[in-house]
Amino acid sequence: MKKIYKYLLATVFVLTVNPIKAQILQPVHWSYAAKKTGVNEAVVFLKADIDEGWHVYSQQVAPGGPVKTSFKFNLSADYILVGSVTEPKPINRFEDVFGMTVSFFEKSVIFQQKLKLKKGQTKVSGTLEYMTCNDEKCLPPDNVEFTIPVK
């Protein structure tokens, strides 16, 4: 009887957990790359591919608006960050939900960070935070860890 109960309980657990997992929306897909631009210089690229109808916010969002995209790079003796993360020109539009004009990107966006290298090869790691919305809803902000090899 105990075996049947355990089997039944395991079956119920599997059947209830899988549908919940399948319902999680992930309309933004991140990818990363790096390119050496000189002997001691490189640029890392953080690309967001955004599903149709969704958008990701710029790094430049006024207080009271959505969570802006931000980047935190882990400290390393292998490189120094040169300047701040750059982004292309965003779309600016008034959004009723926030009651203000906000800056965002649709379809895809590539953020770039320049580096001064102290070693020929390294790995750049850190965390990015972003928020995504469509015309009907916003998803909670998400934190994504990244590691980008620089060769």
N, C-alpha and C. Protein backbone atom coordinates (compact mmCIF):
# COMPACT_ATOMS: atom_id res chain seq x y z
N MET A 1 0.82 -1.19 0.00
CA MET A 1 0.00 0.00 0.00
C MET A 1 0.87 1.26 0.00
N LYS A 2 1.98 1.24 0.76
CA LYS A 2 2.87 2.39 0.80
C LYS A 2 3.48 2.68 -0.57
N LYS A 3 3.82 1.62 -1.31
CA LYS A 3 4.40 1.80 -2.63
C LYS A 3 3.40 2.46 -3.58
N ILE A 4 2.16 2.05 -3.52
CA ILE A 4 1.14 2.64 -4.38
C ILE A 4 0.94 4.10 -4.02
N TYR A 5 0.93 4.41 -2.73
CA TYR A 5 0.76 5.80 -2.29
C TYR A 5 1.93 6.66 -2.76
N LYS A 6 3.15 6.17 -2.63
CA LYS A 6 4.33 6.91 -3.07
C LYS A 6 4.29 7.13 -4.59
N TYR A 7 3.91 6.10 -5.33
CA TYR A 7 3.82 6.21 -6.78
C TYR A 7 2.76 7.24 -7.18
N LEU A 8 1.62 7.18 -6.53
CA LEU A 8 0.54 8.11 -6.81
C LEU A 8 0.95 9.54 -6.48
N LEU A 9 1.61 9.73 -5.36
CA LEU A 9 2.07 11.06 -4.95
C LEU A 9 3.11 11.60 -5.94
N ALA A 10 4.04 10.77 -6.38
CA ALA A 10 5.05 11.19 -7.35
C ALA A 10 4.42 11.56 -8.68
N THR A 11 3.43 10.79 -9.11
CA THR A 11 2.73 11.07 -10.37
C THR A 11 2.00 12.41 -10.29
N VAL A 12 1.30 12.65 -9.21
CA VAL A 12 0.59 13.92 -9.04
C VAL A 12 1.58 15.08 -9.04
N PHE A 13 2.71 14.93 -8.38
CA PHE A 13 3.73 15.97 -8.33
C PHE A 13 4.25 16.30 -9.72
N VAL A 14 4.60 15.29 -10.49
CA VAL A 14 5.12 15.49 -11.84
C VAL A 14 4.08 16.15 -12.74
N LEU A 15 2.86 15.73 -12.65
CA LEU A 15 1.81 16.29 -13.50
C LEU A 15 1.46 17.73 -13.14
N THR A 16 1.65 18.13 -11.89
CA THR A 16 1.34 19.51 -11.52
C THR A 16 2.53 20.45 -11.71
N VAL A 17 3.74 19.98 -11.57
CA VAL A 17 4.92 20.84 -11.70
C VAL A 17 5.23 21.15 -13.17
N ASN A 18 5.16 20.19 -14.06
CA ASN A 18 5.50 20.43 -15.46
C ASN A 18 4.64 21.50 -16.13
N PRO A 19 3.31 21.50 -15.96
CA PRO A 19 2.53 22.58 -16.58
C PRO A 19 2.89 23.96 -16.03
N ILE A 20 3.20 24.05 -14.75
CA ILE A 20 3.58 25.33 -14.17
C ILE A 20 4.88 25.80 -14.80
N LYS A 21 5.83 24.94 -14.96
CA LYS A 21 7.11 25.29 -15.56
C LYS A 21 6.93 25.73 -17.01
N ALA A 22 6.03 25.11 -17.74
CA ALA A 22 5.82 25.44 -19.15
C ALA A 22 5.15 26.80 -19.33
N GLN A 23 4.51 27.33 -18.27
CA GLN A 23 3.80 28.59 -18.39
C GLN A 23 4.68 29.81 -18.14
N ILE A 24 5.93 29.65 -17.75
CA ILE A 24 6.80 30.77 -17.47
C ILE A 24 7.16 31.45 -18.78
N LEU A 25 6.86 32.75 -18.85
CA LEU A 25 7.17 33.53 -20.04
C LEU A 25 8.63 33.95 -20.02
N GLN A 26 9.31 33.79 -21.13
CA GLN A 26 10.68 34.25 -21.29
C GLN A 26 10.80 34.90 -22.67
N PRO A 27 10.28 36.13 -22.82
CA PRO A 27 10.29 36.77 -24.13
C PRO A 27 11.62 37.42 -24.51
N VAL A 28 12.61 37.38 -23.61
CA VAL A 28 13.91 37.97 -23.91
C VAL A 28 14.97 36.88 -23.80
N HIS A 29 15.82 36.80 -24.84
CA HIS A 29 16.86 35.77 -24.91
C HIS A 29 18.21 36.47 -25.05
N TRP A 30 19.09 36.26 -24.08
CA TRP A 30 20.38 36.94 -24.04
C TRP A 30 21.48 36.09 -24.65
N SER A 31 22.40 36.74 -25.36
CA SER A 31 23.61 36.07 -25.88
C SER A 31 24.77 37.05 -25.72
N TYR A 32 25.99 36.51 -25.80
CA TYR A 32 27.17 37.31 -25.47
C TYR A 32 28.30 37.00 -26.44
N ALA A 33 29.16 37.99 -26.64
CA ALA A 33 30.34 37.80 -27.49
C ALA A 33 31.38 38.84 -27.07
N ALA A 34 32.60 38.65 -27.54
CA ALA A 34 33.68 39.61 -27.30
C ALA A 34 34.53 39.70 -28.55
N LYS A 35 35.14 40.87 -28.72
CA LYS A 35 36.03 41.08 -29.86
C LYS A 35 37.21 41.90 -29.40
N LYS A 36 38.41 41.42 -29.69
CA LYS A 36 39.60 42.20 -29.39
C LYS A 36 39.71 43.30 -30.44
N THR A 37 39.93 44.52 -29.99
CA THR A 37 40.04 45.66 -30.89
C THR A 37 41.47 46.18 -30.95
N GLY A 38 42.34 45.57 -30.19
CA GLY A 38 43.75 45.93 -30.14
C GLY A 38 44.47 44.93 -29.26
N VAL A 39 45.77 45.10 -29.11
CA VAL A 39 46.55 44.16 -28.30
C VAL A 39 46.03 44.13 -26.87
N ASN A 40 45.72 45.29 -26.32
CA ASN A 40 45.27 45.38 -24.92
C ASN A 40 43.85 45.94 -24.80
N GLU A 41 43.06 45.82 -25.86
CA GLU A 41 41.71 46.37 -25.84
C GLU A 41 40.71 45.35 -26.38
N ALA A 42 39.50 45.43 -25.85
CA ALA A 42 38.43 44.55 -26.31
C ALA A 42 37.08 45.21 -26.05
N VAL A 43 36.06 44.67 -26.69
CA VAL A 43 34.69 45.09 -26.46
C VAL A 43 33.88 43.82 -26.21
N VAL A 44 33.02 43.85 -25.18
CA VAL A 44 32.09 42.75 -24.97
C VAL A 44 30.70 43.21 -25.40
N PHE A 45 29.96 42.29 -25.98
CA PHE A 45 28.64 42.56 -26.52
C PHE A 45 27.62 41.73 -25.75
N LEU A 46 26.57 42.37 -25.29
CA LEU A 46 25.48 41.71 -24.57
C LEU A 46 24.21 41.96 -25.37
N LYS A 47 23.73 40.93 -26.04
CA LYS A 47 22.63 41.08 -26.99
C LYS A 47 21.34 40.49 -26.43
N ALA A 48 20.26 41.27 -26.54
CA ALA A 48 18.93 40.79 -26.17
C ALA A 48 18.10 40.62 -27.43
N ASP A 49 17.68 39.38 -27.69
CA ASP A 49 16.72 39.12 -28.76
C ASP A 49 15.35 39.10 -28.09
N ILE A 50 14.45 39.94 -28.57
CA ILE A 50 13.18 40.20 -27.90
C ILE A 50 12.04 39.69 -28.76
N ASP A 51 11.19 38.85 -28.18
CA ASP A 51 10.04 38.31 -28.91
C ASP A 51 9.12 39.42 -29.40
N GLU A 52 8.41 39.13 -30.48
CA GLU A 52 7.47 40.07 -31.09
C GLU A 52 6.46 40.56 -30.05
N GLY A 53 6.25 41.88 -30.03
CA GLY A 53 5.28 42.47 -29.13
C GLY A 53 5.83 42.89 -27.77
N TRP A 54 7.03 42.46 -27.46
CA TRP A 54 7.65 42.77 -26.16
C TRP A 54 8.73 43.83 -26.35
N HIS A 55 9.13 44.48 -25.25
CA HIS A 55 10.25 45.41 -25.31
C HIS A 55 11.03 45.39 -23.99
N VAL A 56 12.28 45.81 -24.08
CA VAL A 56 13.20 45.88 -22.95
C VAL A 56 13.57 47.35 -22.78
N TYR A 57 13.66 47.79 -21.55
CA TYR A 57 13.90 49.20 -21.28
C TYR A 57 15.38 49.56 -21.38
N SER A 58 15.60 50.82 -21.71
CA SER A 58 16.92 51.41 -21.83
C SER A 58 17.60 51.49 -20.46
N GLN A 59 18.87 51.85 -20.47
CA GLN A 59 19.59 52.13 -19.23
C GLN A 59 19.20 53.50 -18.69
N GLN A 60 18.57 54.31 -19.54
CA GLN A 60 18.19 55.68 -19.18
C GLN A 60 16.68 55.76 -18.98
N VAL A 61 16.24 55.50 -17.79
CA VAL A 61 14.82 55.59 -17.45
C VAL A 61 14.70 56.46 -16.20
N ALA A 62 13.79 57.41 -16.26
CA ALA A 62 13.60 58.33 -15.13
C ALA A 62 13.02 57.60 -13.92
N PRO A 63 13.27 58.11 -12.73
CA PRO A 63 12.66 57.52 -11.52
C PRO A 63 11.15 57.51 -11.63
N GLY A 64 10.54 56.47 -11.09
CA GLY A 64 9.09 56.32 -11.15
C GLY A 64 8.62 55.51 -12.34
N GLY A 65 9.55 55.17 -13.22
CA GLY A 65 9.21 54.37 -14.39
C GLY A 65 9.54 52.90 -14.18
N PRO A 66 9.66 52.16 -15.27
CA PRO A 66 10.00 50.74 -15.18
C PRO A 66 11.45 50.57 -14.72
N VAL A 67 11.80 49.34 -14.40
CA VAL A 67 13.18 49.03 -14.03
C VAL A 67 14.04 49.13 -15.27
N LYS A 68 15.06 49.98 -15.20
CA LYS A 68 15.94 50.15 -16.34
C LYS A 68 16.90 48.97 -16.45
N THR A 69 17.41 48.74 -17.64
CA THR A 69 18.42 47.70 -17.84
C THR A 69 19.72 48.20 -17.21
N SER A 70 20.36 47.33 -16.44
CA SER A 70 21.62 47.70 -15.79
C SER A 70 22.58 46.53 -15.81
N PHE A 71 23.86 46.86 -15.70
CA PHE A 71 24.92 45.86 -15.78
C PHE A 71 25.88 46.03 -14.60
N LYS A 72 26.25 44.93 -13.98
CA LYS A 72 27.25 44.93 -12.92
C LYS A 72 28.32 43.92 -13.32
N PHE A 73 29.54 44.42 -13.49
CA PHE A 73 30.65 43.56 -13.88
C PHE A 73 31.44 43.18 -12.63
N ASN A 74 31.81 41.91 -12.53
CA ASN A 74 32.63 41.46 -11.41
C ASN A 74 34.03 42.05 -11.54
N LEU A 75 34.61 42.43 -10.42
CA LEU A 75 35.97 42.95 -10.42
C LEU A 75 36.95 41.88 -10.85
N SER A 76 37.99 42.29 -11.57
CA SER A 76 39.00 41.36 -12.03
C SER A 76 40.33 42.07 -12.16
N ALA A 77 41.40 41.37 -11.87
CA ALA A 77 42.74 41.91 -12.08
C ALA A 77 43.14 41.81 -13.55
N ASP A 78 42.32 41.14 -14.37
CA ASP A 78 42.64 40.90 -15.78
C ASP A 78 42.25 42.04 -16.71
N TYR A 79 41.35 42.92 -16.26
CA TYR A 79 40.87 43.99 -17.15
C TYR A 79 40.34 45.17 -16.33
N ILE A 80 40.21 46.30 -17.04
CA ILE A 80 39.61 47.51 -16.48
C ILE A 80 38.48 47.92 -17.42
N LEU A 81 37.34 48.28 -16.87
CA LEU A 81 36.24 48.79 -17.69
C LEU A 81 36.59 50.18 -18.17
N VAL A 82 36.37 50.44 -19.44
CA VAL A 82 36.63 51.75 -20.03
C VAL A 82 35.28 52.41 -20.29
N GLY A 83 34.97 53.45 -19.55
CA GLY A 83 33.68 54.11 -19.70
C GLY A 83 32.56 53.25 -19.16
N SER A 84 31.36 53.51 -19.65
CA SER A 84 30.20 52.75 -19.21
C SER A 84 29.61 51.98 -20.39
N VAL A 85 28.63 51.16 -20.11
CA VAL A 85 27.97 50.37 -21.14
C VAL A 85 27.24 51.32 -22.09
N THR A 86 27.44 51.12 -23.39
CA THR A 86 26.77 51.95 -24.39
C THR A 86 25.61 51.17 -25.01
N GLU A 87 24.68 51.91 -25.57
CA GLU A 87 23.51 51.32 -26.21
C GLU A 87 23.13 52.15 -27.42
N PRO A 88 22.42 51.56 -28.38
CA PRO A 88 21.96 52.34 -29.54
C PRO A 88 20.84 53.29 -29.11
N LYS A 89 20.39 54.11 -30.04
CA LYS A 89 19.32 55.06 -29.75
C LYS A 89 18.02 54.28 -29.52
N PRO A 90 17.37 54.50 -28.37
CA PRO A 90 16.14 53.76 -28.08
C PRO A 90 14.90 54.42 -28.70
N ILE A 91 13.80 53.70 -28.63
CA ILE A 91 12.48 54.23 -28.98
C ILE A 91 11.98 54.97 -27.74
N ASN A 92 11.43 56.15 -27.92
CA ASN A 92 10.86 56.90 -26.80
C ASN A 92 9.36 57.02 -27.03
N ARG A 93 8.59 56.58 -26.02
CA ARG A 93 7.13 56.61 -26.17
C ARG A 93 6.48 56.76 -24.80
N PHE A 94 5.34 57.45 -24.78
CA PHE A 94 4.57 57.58 -23.56
C PHE A 94 3.88 56.25 -23.27
N GLU A 95 4.01 55.76 -22.03
CA GLU A 95 3.33 54.53 -21.61
C GLU A 95 2.37 54.87 -20.48
N ASP A 96 1.08 54.59 -20.72
CA ASP A 96 0.03 54.89 -19.75
C ASP A 96 0.28 54.24 -18.39
N VAL A 97 0.76 53.00 -18.41
CA VAL A 97 0.94 52.26 -17.17
C VAL A 97 1.91 52.98 -16.22
N PHE A 98 2.90 53.67 -16.76
CA PHE A 98 3.87 54.40 -15.94
C PHE A 98 3.56 55.90 -15.89
N GLY A 99 2.68 56.37 -16.76
CA GLY A 99 2.31 57.78 -16.78
C GLY A 99 3.46 58.69 -17.19
N MET A 100 4.32 58.18 -18.05
CA MET A 100 5.49 58.95 -18.47
C MET A 100 6.05 58.42 -19.78
N THR A 101 6.92 59.20 -20.40
CA THR A 101 7.63 58.76 -21.59
C THR A 101 8.81 57.90 -21.15
N VAL A 102 8.95 56.73 -21.76
CA VAL A 102 10.04 55.81 -21.42
C VAL A 102 10.83 55.46 -22.67
N SER A 103 12.06 55.02 -22.47
CA SER A 103 12.95 54.61 -23.56
C SER A 103 13.09 53.10 -23.54
N PHE A 104 12.95 52.47 -24.71
CA PHE A 104 13.01 51.01 -24.76
C PHE A 104 13.46 50.53 -26.14
N PHE A 105 13.64 49.21 -26.23
CA PHE A 105 14.08 48.55 -27.46
C PHE A 105 13.12 47.43 -27.80
N GLU A 106 12.89 47.23 -29.09
CA GLU A 106 12.08 46.12 -29.59
C GLU A 106 12.94 45.25 -30.49
N LYS A 107 12.53 44.02 -30.69
CA LYS A 107 13.17 43.03 -31.57
C LYS A 107 14.56 42.61 -31.08
N SER A 108 15.52 43.52 -31.05
CA SER A 108 16.84 43.18 -30.51
C SER A 108 17.60 44.44 -30.16
N VAL A 109 18.56 44.30 -29.27
CA VAL A 109 19.43 45.40 -28.89
C VAL A 109 20.78 44.81 -28.47
N ILE A 110 21.85 45.52 -28.81
CA ILE A 110 23.19 45.10 -28.41
C ILE A 110 23.80 46.20 -27.54
N PHE A 111 24.11 45.84 -26.30
CA PHE A 111 24.81 46.72 -25.38
C PHE A 111 26.29 46.40 -25.49
N GLN A 112 27.16 47.42 -25.34
CA GLN A 112 28.60 47.21 -25.50
C GLN A 112 29.37 47.82 -24.33
N GLN A 113 30.42 47.10 -23.90
CA GLN A 113 31.31 47.59 -22.86
C GLN A 113 32.74 47.45 -23.33
N LYS A 114 33.49 48.57 -23.34
CA LYS A 114 34.90 48.54 -23.72
C LYS A 114 35.74 48.13 -22.51
N LEU A 115 36.85 47.43 -22.82
CA LEU A 115 37.77 46.96 -21.78
C LEU A 115 39.21 47.28 -22.13
N LYS A 116 40.00 47.52 -21.12
CA LYS A 116 41.46 47.56 -21.28
C LYS A 116 41.96 46.29 -20.64
N LEU A 117 42.64 45.47 -21.43
CA LEU A 117 43.08 44.15 -20.96
C LEU A 117 44.46 44.22 -20.31
N LYS A 118 44.60 43.49 -19.21
CA LYS A 118 45.90 43.35 -18.56
C LYS A 118 46.51 41.99 -18.88
N LYS A 119 45.66 41.10 -19.44
CA LYS A 119 46.09 39.77 -19.89
C LYS A 119 45.53 39.58 -21.29
N GLY A 120 46.18 38.71 -22.05
CA GLY A 120 45.73 38.45 -23.42
C GLY A 120 44.39 37.77 -23.49
N GLN A 121 44.12 36.88 -22.54
CA GLN A 121 42.86 36.15 -22.51
C GLN A 121 42.26 36.24 -21.11
N THR A 122 40.97 36.35 -21.06
CA THR A 122 40.30 36.44 -19.76
C THR A 122 38.83 36.06 -19.94
N LYS A 123 38.10 36.10 -18.85
CA LYS A 123 36.65 35.94 -18.87
C LYS A 123 36.05 37.13 -18.13
N VAL A 124 35.08 37.74 -18.75
CA VAL A 124 34.37 38.86 -18.15
C VAL A 124 33.04 38.31 -17.63
N SER A 125 32.78 38.53 -16.36
CA SER A 125 31.54 38.01 -15.79
C SER A 125 30.82 39.11 -15.02
N GLY A 126 29.55 38.86 -14.78
CA GLY A 126 28.75 39.81 -14.03
C GLY A 126 27.29 39.44 -14.06
N THR A 127 26.47 40.43 -13.78
CA THR A 127 25.02 40.25 -13.73
C THR A 127 24.35 41.42 -14.43
N LEU A 128 23.29 41.11 -15.15
CA LEU A 128 22.48 42.17 -15.75
C LEU A 128 21.07 42.06 -15.20
N GLU A 129 20.41 43.19 -15.10
CA GLU A 129 19.03 43.23 -14.66
C GLU A 129 18.22 43.95 -15.73
N TYR A 130 17.04 43.45 -16.02
CA TYR A 130 16.19 44.07 -17.02
C TYR A 130 14.73 43.79 -16.70
N MET A 131 13.87 44.57 -17.33
CA MET A 131 12.43 44.38 -17.20
C MET A 131 11.85 44.40 -18.60
N THR A 132 10.85 43.59 -18.83
CA THR A 132 10.22 43.52 -20.15
C THR A 132 8.70 43.65 -20.01
N CYS A 133 8.11 44.34 -20.99
CA CYS A 133 6.66 44.53 -21.01
C CYS A 133 6.15 44.36 -22.44
N ASN A 134 4.85 44.11 -22.54
CA ASN A 134 4.17 44.21 -23.83
C ASN A 134 2.98 45.14 -23.63
N ASP A 135 2.05 45.19 -24.56
CA ASP A 135 0.92 46.12 -24.45
C ASP A 135 -0.08 45.71 -23.37
N GLU A 136 0.04 44.49 -22.84
CA GLU A 136 -0.92 44.00 -21.87
C GLU A 136 -0.36 43.86 -20.46
N LYS A 137 0.93 43.56 -20.35
CA LYS A 137 1.48 43.29 -19.02
C LYS A 137 2.98 43.50 -18.99
N CYS A 138 3.48 43.59 -17.78
CA CYS A 138 4.92 43.64 -17.53
C CYS A 138 5.30 42.43 -16.69
N LEU A 139 6.45 41.88 -16.97
CA LEU A 139 6.97 40.79 -16.17
C LEU A 139 7.86 41.37 -15.07
N PRO A 140 8.01 40.67 -13.96
CA PRO A 140 8.89 41.17 -12.90
C PRO A 140 10.32 41.29 -13.43
N PRO A 141 11.09 42.22 -12.87
CA PRO A 141 12.50 42.34 -13.28
C PRO A 141 13.21 41.00 -13.13
N ASP A 142 14.18 40.76 -14.00
CA ASP A 142 14.93 39.50 -13.99
C ASP A 142 16.42 39.81 -13.91
N ASN A 143 17.15 38.99 -13.16
CA ASN A 143 18.61 39.09 -13.07
C ASN A 143 19.21 37.91 -13.80
N VAL A 144 20.19 38.19 -14.65
CA VAL A 144 20.83 37.16 -15.45
C VAL A 144 22.34 37.24 -15.24
N GLU A 145 22.95 36.13 -14.88
CA GLU A 145 24.41 36.08 -14.77
C GLU A 145 25.01 35.77 -16.13
N PHE A 146 26.17 36.35 -16.40
CA PHE A 146 26.83 36.09 -17.68
C PHE A 146 28.34 35.91 -17.46
N THR A 147 28.94 35.15 -18.39
CA THR A 147 30.39 34.99 -18.47
C THR A 147 30.74 35.02 -19.94
N ILE A 148 31.68 35.92 -20.29
CA ILE A 148 32.03 36.12 -21.69
C ILE A 148 33.53 35.90 -21.86
N PRO A 149 33.95 34.86 -22.59
CA PRO A 149 35.38 34.68 -22.83
C PRO A 149 35.94 35.73 -23.78
N VAL A 150 37.09 36.26 -23.46
CA VAL A 150 37.79 37.23 -24.32
C VAL A 150 39.09 36.58 -24.71
N LYS A 151 39.28 36.31 -26.01
CA LYS A 151 40.47 35.62 -26.49
C LYS A 151 41.22 36.49 -27.47
